[in-house]
Amino acid sequence: MDGVAGFWSVLPPPMRDPVLFAIPFFLLLLTLEWTAARKLDQLEPGSYRAADAWASISMGLVSVATTAGWKFLALLGYAACYAYLAPWHLPASRWYTWVIAILGVDLLYYCYHRIAHRVRLIWATHQAHHSSRYFNFATALRQKWNNSGEILMWTPLPLLGIPPWMVFAAFSVNLIYQFWVHTERVDRLPRVFEFILNTPSHHRVHHGMDAEYLDRNYGGILIIWDRLFGTYAPELFRPHYGLTKQVDTFNIWTLQIHEYRSMIADVRAATRWRDRLGFVFGPPGWQPRATGSADIF
């Protein structure tokens, strides 16, 4: 442990990912919720399953390493954009730069998140997070291992003059915030918070597989984006969680790649190029028309 502490101490503050320092708090909240769920199981059965929770935690641990790799690649590109293409450099010491960074990351996260639910190629990565039939703090740790889509989505921020390390810090704040909204133990908050912020009630809707809840409430920190762009839905009843086509496994590798396998199989079976493109860039569940032209979107 002393070696780890020494390693972190020599890194400049911008290189110290806040998510890593938040992991002990994640685990503490997870333990508290899990204990409460076991005590309340007779009143509300099915809120936790050990195998599912361990799969989620394992996927989260792997994602720490894969995300670090993607961020290293992104740092190279962001540094070039910031140094050579940005028309100005916003000062990291000013409060408004932080506001722009945090709001910018949150808006771009909404855009990426919406695309991830509507384009199968991106959904193939994102679906891993939605694959649990349970909704709890462990589910929050069920992260994807391919962050390439988000990395590309953040590119406008260094182009606007936001220092690359601030982009990463702002996304870490966004990710840390989203941890606590993965719970059924918190009901609705006062109206002003429910109107502005993403809350457990809003995010339960997002993870629901019910027709009323599909493709709704994409926001990270703010639910305002969903209200502005027509993707908001209130929680009307307790959702049924998971994918519309459930994956009956706790194998973390299968949970990550099964949709890629299905997509490749559909592309290979297609006989027309427009159908192949539809299977890749159409929404999840897209199927070619029996007759006439196929609509991709």
Protein backbone atom coordinates (compact mmCIF):
# COMPACT_ATOMS: atom_id res chain seq x y z
CA MET A 1 0.00 0.00 0.00
CA ASP A 2 2.88 2.38 0.72
CA GLY A 3 4.10 1.81 -2.83
CA VAL A 4 0.69 2.67 -4.26
CA ALA A 5 0.46 5.79 -2.11
CA GLY A 6 3.93 6.80 -3.21
CA PHE A 7 3.03 6.29 -6.85
CA TRP A 8 -0.02 8.55 -6.56
CA SER A 9 1.89 11.19 -4.62
CA VAL A 10 4.33 11.79 -7.47
CA LEU A 11 1.54 12.34 -10.00
CA PRO A 12 0.40 15.91 -10.53
CA PRO A 13 -3.12 16.53 -9.18
CA PRO A 14 -4.71 16.68 -12.68
CA MET A 15 -3.60 13.06 -13.28
CA ARG A 16 -5.29 11.69 -10.16
CA ASP A 17 -8.66 10.37 -11.30
CA PRO A 18 -11.37 11.26 -8.72
CA VAL A 19 -13.19 8.03 -9.57
CA LEU A 20 -10.37 5.98 -8.04
CA PHE A 21 -10.62 7.91 -4.78
CA ALA A 22 -14.41 7.45 -4.79
CA ILE A 23 -14.19 3.63 -4.97
CA PRO A 24 -14.10 3.16 -1.14
CA PHE A 25 -17.27 5.23 -0.83
CA PHE A 26 -18.89 3.21 -3.62
CA LEU A 27 -18.10 0.01 -1.73
CA LEU A 28 -19.37 1.44 1.55
CA LEU A 29 -22.70 2.46 0.03
CA LEU A 30 -22.93 -0.86 -1.77
CA THR A 31 -22.41 -2.74 1.51
CA LEU A 32 -25.01 -0.64 3.33
CA GLU A 33 -27.58 -1.10 0.56
CA TRP A 34 -26.90 -4.83 0.30
CA THR A 35 -27.33 -5.24 4.06
CA ALA A 36 -30.59 -3.29 3.98
CA ALA A 37 -31.82 -5.32 1.01
CA ARG A 38 -31.22 -8.60 2.85
CA LYS A 39 -33.10 -7.30 5.90
CA LEU A 40 -36.02 -6.09 3.78
CA ASP A 41 -36.09 -9.12 1.48
CA GLN A 42 -39.29 -10.49 3.01
CA LEU A 43 -41.06 -7.19 2.28
CA GLU A 44 -39.45 -6.55 -1.11
CA PRO A 45 -37.97 -9.78 -2.51
CA GLY A 46 -35.62 -9.82 -5.47
CA SER A 47 -33.74 -6.55 -4.92
CA TYR A 48 -30.36 -8.29 -4.87
CA ARG A 49 -28.80 -11.50 -6.14
CA ALA A 50 -25.27 -12.29 -5.10
CA ALA A 51 -24.11 -13.73 -8.44
CA ASP A 52 -25.49 -10.74 -10.31
CA ALA A 53 -23.88 -8.28 -7.91
CA TRP A 54 -20.48 -9.99 -8.16
CA ALA A 55 -20.71 -9.93 -11.95
CA SER A 56 -21.38 -6.20 -11.82
CA ILE A 57 -18.52 -5.55 -9.41
CA SER A 58 -16.13 -7.63 -11.54
CA MET A 59 -17.12 -5.72 -14.68
CA GLY A 60 -16.50 -2.48 -12.81
CA LEU A 61 -13.03 -3.55 -11.69
CA VAL A 62 -12.02 -4.47 -15.23
CA SER A 63 -13.42 -1.17 -16.51
CA VAL A 64 -11.04 0.75 -14.22
CA ALA A 65 -8.12 -0.66 -16.24
CA THR A 66 -9.75 -0.40 -19.68
CA THR A 67 -10.91 3.16 -19.03
CA ALA A 68 -7.38 4.16 -18.05
CA GLY A 69 -6.15 2.83 -21.39
CA TRP A 70 -8.79 4.71 -23.36
CA LYS A 71 -8.08 7.89 -21.42
CA PHE A 72 -4.37 7.62 -22.22
CA LEU A 73 -5.17 7.43 -25.94
CA ALA A 74 -7.64 10.29 -25.58
CA LEU A 75 -5.06 12.41 -23.78
CA LEU A 76 -2.81 12.34 -26.82
CA GLY A 77 -5.59 13.49 -29.15
CA TYR A 78 -7.02 16.04 -26.73
CA ALA A 79 -3.61 17.54 -26.10
CA ALA A 80 -3.10 18.02 -29.85
CA CYS A 81 -6.57 19.57 -30.25
CA TYR A 82 -6.00 21.86 -27.29
CA ALA A 83 -2.49 22.91 -28.28
CA TYR A 84 -2.87 23.32 -32.05
CA LEU A 85 -6.57 23.73 -32.91
CA ALA A 86 -8.29 25.51 -30.01
CA PRO A 87 -8.77 29.21 -30.84
CA TRP A 88 -8.24 30.11 -27.17
CA HIS A 89 -7.27 28.46 -23.90
CA LEU A 90 -9.68 28.85 -21.00
CA PRO A 91 -7.93 29.36 -17.64
CA ALA A 92 -8.31 26.42 -15.26
CA SER A 93 -8.18 28.83 -12.32
CA ARG A 94 -11.49 30.50 -13.25
CA TRP A 95 -14.84 29.21 -11.98
CA TYR A 96 -16.55 29.62 -15.32
CA THR A 97 -14.14 27.19 -16.98
CA TRP A 98 -15.25 24.53 -14.53
CA VAL A 99 -18.91 25.35 -15.17
CA ILE A 100 -18.37 25.05 -18.93
CA ALA A 101 -16.46 21.78 -18.48
CA ILE A 102 -19.06 20.15 -16.20
CA LEU A 103 -22.07 21.34 -18.20
CA GLY A 104 -20.32 20.51 -21.47
CA VAL A 105 -19.51 16.98 -20.35
CA ASP A 106 -23.06 16.50 -19.10
CA LEU A 107 -24.63 17.69 -22.36
CA LEU A 108 -22.27 15.60 -24.46
CA TYR A 109 -22.92 12.62 -22.19
CA TYR A 110 -26.64 13.04 -22.87
CA CYS A 111 -25.93 13.08 -26.62
CA TYR A 112 -23.68 10.02 -26.47
CA HIS A 113 -26.10 8.18 -24.21
CA ARG A 114 -29.00 8.83 -26.57
CA ILE A 115 -26.97 7.69 -29.57
CA ALA A 116 -25.92 4.57 -27.66
CA HIS A 117 -29.57 3.55 -27.32
CA ARG A 118 -30.44 4.27 -30.94
CA VAL A 119 -27.43 2.96 -32.91
CA ARG A 120 -26.81 -0.75 -32.55
CA LEU A 121 -23.05 -0.55 -33.02
CA ILE A 122 -22.82 1.72 -29.97
CA TRP A 123 -25.55 -0.14 -28.11
CA ALA A 124 -23.48 -3.33 -28.43
CA THR A 125 -21.07 -1.74 -25.98
CA HIS A 126 -23.53 0.12 -23.76
CA GLN A 127 -25.98 -2.77 -23.30
CA ALA A 128 -23.64 -4.37 -20.75
CA HIS A 129 -24.65 -1.70 -18.25
CA HIS A 130 -28.33 -2.52 -18.78
CA SER A 131 -27.97 -6.30 -18.64
CA SER A 132 -28.79 -6.70 -14.94
CA ARG A 133 -32.34 -7.56 -13.92
CA TYR A 134 -31.68 -5.80 -10.63
CA PHE A 135 -31.29 -2.13 -9.83
CA ASN A 136 -28.91 -1.29 -7.02
CA PHE A 137 -25.51 0.20 -6.33
CA ALA A 138 -23.83 -2.91 -7.75
CA THR A 139 -25.59 -2.23 -11.06
CA ALA A 140 -23.89 1.17 -11.15
CA LEU A 141 -20.53 -0.64 -11.29
CA ARG A 142 -21.59 -2.80 -14.27
CA GLN A 143 -19.62 -0.69 -16.72
CA LYS A 144 -18.64 -1.22 -20.36
CA TRP A 145 -15.04 -1.83 -21.33
CA ASN A 146 -15.06 0.10 -24.61
CA ASN A 147 -15.08 3.86 -24.03
CA SER A 148 -14.19 4.84 -27.59
CA GLY A 149 -17.60 6.44 -28.27
CA GLU A 150 -17.41 8.71 -25.25
CA ILE A 151 -13.80 9.59 -26.02
CA LEU A 152 -14.85 10.86 -29.45
CA MET A 153 -17.87 12.67 -28.01
CA TRP A 154 -15.72 14.74 -25.64
CA THR A 155 -13.54 16.10 -28.48
CA PRO A 156 -15.38 19.46 -28.76
CA LEU A 157 -14.31 20.38 -25.23
CA PRO A 158 -10.53 20.61 -25.79
CA LEU A 159 -11.34 22.27 -29.14
CA LEU A 160 -13.17 24.94 -27.11
CA GLY A 161 -10.04 25.52 -25.04
CA ILE A 162 -10.82 23.41 -21.97
CA PRO A 163 -7.61 21.77 -20.68
CA PRO A 164 -7.67 18.01 -21.32
CA TRP A 165 -7.20 17.11 -17.66
CA MET A 166 -10.28 19.19 -16.81
CA VAL A 167 -12.31 17.21 -19.34
CA PHE A 168 -11.35 13.99 -17.57
CA ALA A 169 -12.01 15.51 -14.14
CA ALA A 170 -15.45 16.74 -15.22
CA PHE A 171 -16.38 13.32 -16.59
CA SER A 172 -15.23 11.72 -13.33
CA VAL A 173 -17.53 14.07 -11.43
CA ASN A 174 -20.33 13.04 -13.78
CA LEU A 175 -19.63 9.34 -13.27
CA ILE A 176 -19.39 9.66 -9.48
CA TYR A 177 -22.72 11.50 -9.37
CA GLN A 178 -24.42 8.74 -11.35
CA PHE A 179 -23.46 6.08 -8.82
CA TRP A 180 -26.01 7.11 -6.20
CA VAL A 181 -28.98 7.22 -8.60
CA HIS A 182 -28.78 3.42 -9.02
CA THR A 183 -30.99 2.48 -6.09
CA GLU A 184 -34.55 1.62 -5.18
CA ARG A 185 -33.98 2.72 -1.58
CA VAL A 186 -34.55 6.39 -2.39
CA ASP A 187 -38.04 7.42 -3.43
CA ARG A 188 -38.76 10.81 -4.96
CA LEU A 189 -36.91 13.93 -3.84
CA PRO A 190 -38.50 17.39 -3.44
CA ARG A 191 -39.92 18.71 -6.72
CA VAL A 192 -37.21 21.28 -7.41
CA PHE A 193 -34.53 18.54 -7.35
CA GLU A 194 -36.66 16.15 -9.41
CA PHE A 195 -37.17 18.89 -12.01
CA ILE A 196 -33.50 19.76 -12.44
CA LEU A 197 -31.42 16.74 -11.46
CA ASN A 198 -31.19 13.13 -12.49
CA THR A 199 -32.51 11.24 -9.47
CA PRO A 200 -33.04 7.58 -8.56
CA SER A 201 -36.66 7.88 -9.69
CA HIS A 202 -35.62 9.18 -13.12
CA HIS A 203 -32.86 6.63 -13.52
CA ARG A 204 -35.07 3.71 -12.54
CA VAL A 205 -37.17 4.67 -15.55
CA HIS A 206 -34.07 4.65 -17.76
CA HIS A 207 -33.20 1.09 -16.73
CA GLY A 208 -36.74 -0.16 -17.21
CA MET A 209 -37.48 -2.57 -20.06
CA ASP A 210 -41.18 -1.67 -20.04
CA ALA A 211 -42.54 -0.09 -23.23
CA GLU A 212 -43.43 3.13 -21.37
CA TYR A 213 -39.83 3.52 -20.20
CA LEU A 214 -37.72 2.46 -23.19
CA ASP A 215 -35.22 5.06 -24.44
CA ARG A 216 -36.04 7.65 -21.79
CA ASN A 217 -34.15 9.76 -19.24
CA TYR A 218 -30.64 9.78 -20.67
CA GLY A 219 -29.29 12.55 -18.43
CA GLY A 220 -26.16 12.13 -16.32
CA ILE A 221 -26.31 14.87 -13.68
CA LEU A 222 -29.11 17.00 -15.12
CA ILE A 223 -32.53 15.75 -16.25
CA ILE A 224 -33.08 19.15 -17.90
CA TRP A 225 -31.65 17.83 -21.18
CA ASP A 226 -34.37 15.17 -21.36
CA ARG A 227 -37.06 17.75 -20.65
CA LEU A 228 -35.68 20.04 -23.35
CA PHE A 229 -35.23 17.38 -26.02
CA GLY A 230 -38.39 15.34 -25.44
CA THR A 231 -36.94 12.17 -23.92
CA TYR A 232 -38.22 12.60 -20.36
CA ALA A 233 -40.65 10.15 -18.75
CA PRO A 234 -41.82 10.12 -15.12
CA GLU A 235 -41.80 7.01 -12.97
CA LEU A 236 -45.37 5.68 -13.04
CA PHE A 237 -44.75 2.20 -11.59
CA ARG A 238 -41.85 0.04 -10.47
CA PRO A 239 -39.93 -0.88 -13.62
CA HIS A 240 -38.95 -4.32 -14.79
CA TYR A 241 -35.20 -4.13 -15.23
CA GLY A 242 -32.82 -5.54 -17.81
CA LEU A 243 -32.78 -6.01 -21.57
CA THR A 244 -35.83 -6.65 -23.71
CA LYS A 245 -34.04 -9.90 -24.64
CA GLN A 246 -32.48 -11.02 -21.39
CA VAL A 247 -29.07 -12.67 -21.30
CA ASP A 248 -29.12 -15.56 -18.84
CA THR A 249 -25.50 -15.58 -17.75
CA PHE A 250 -23.19 -14.06 -15.18
CA ASN A 251 -20.11 -14.55 -17.35
CA ILE A 252 -18.71 -11.05 -17.61
CA TRP A 253 -17.04 -11.66 -20.99
CA THR A 254 -20.30 -12.90 -22.50
CA LEU A 255 -22.19 -9.96 -21.00
CA GLN A 256 -19.77 -7.57 -22.71
CA ILE A 257 -19.65 -9.10 -26.20
CA HIS A 258 -22.87 -11.05 -26.81
CA GLU A 259 -24.52 -8.20 -28.74
CA TYR A 260 -21.47 -7.88 -31.01
CA ARG A 261 -21.81 -11.58 -31.79
CA SER A 262 -25.50 -11.19 -32.59
CA MET A 263 -24.83 -8.17 -34.78
CA ILE A 264 -22.09 -9.95 -36.73
CA ALA A 265 -24.35 -12.96 -37.23
CA ASP A 266 -27.14 -10.71 -38.57
CA VAL A 267 -24.74 -8.95 -40.95
CA ARG A 268 -23.41 -12.26 -42.28
CA ALA A 269 -26.93 -13.57 -42.83
CA ALA A 270 -28.07 -10.45 -44.70
CA THR A 271 -28.07 -10.56 -48.49
CA ARG A 272 -28.35 -6.82 -49.23
CA TRP A 273 -25.96 -4.03 -48.28
CA ARG A 274 -28.74 -1.79 -47.01
CA ASP A 275 -29.78 -4.59 -44.64
CA ARG A 276 -26.19 -5.02 -43.45
CA LEU A 277 -25.98 -1.30 -42.77
CA GLY A 278 -29.32 -1.43 -40.99
CA PHE A 279 -28.13 -4.19 -38.67
CA VAL A 280 -25.06 -2.12 -37.74
CA PHE A 281 -26.32 1.48 -37.67
CA GLY A 282 -30.03 0.99 -37.13
CA PRO A 283 -31.57 0.95 -33.65
CA PRO A 284 -31.43 -2.20 -31.53
CA GLY A 285 -34.00 -4.70 -32.76
CA TRP A 286 -34.03 -3.28 -36.30
CA GLN A 287 -35.20 -5.73 -38.95
CA PRO A 288 -35.39 -5.32 -42.73
CA ARG A 289 -38.79 -4.98 -44.33
CA ALA A 290 -40.14 -8.05 -46.06
CA THR A 291 -40.89 -5.96 -49.14
CA GLY A 292 -39.86 -2.51 -50.32
CA SER A 293 -36.95 -0.48 -49.02
CA ALA A 294 -35.62 -0.80 -45.49
CA ASP A 295 -35.61 2.24 -43.23
CA ILE A 296 -32.48 2.42 -41.11
CA PHE A 297 -33.86 4.97 -38.67
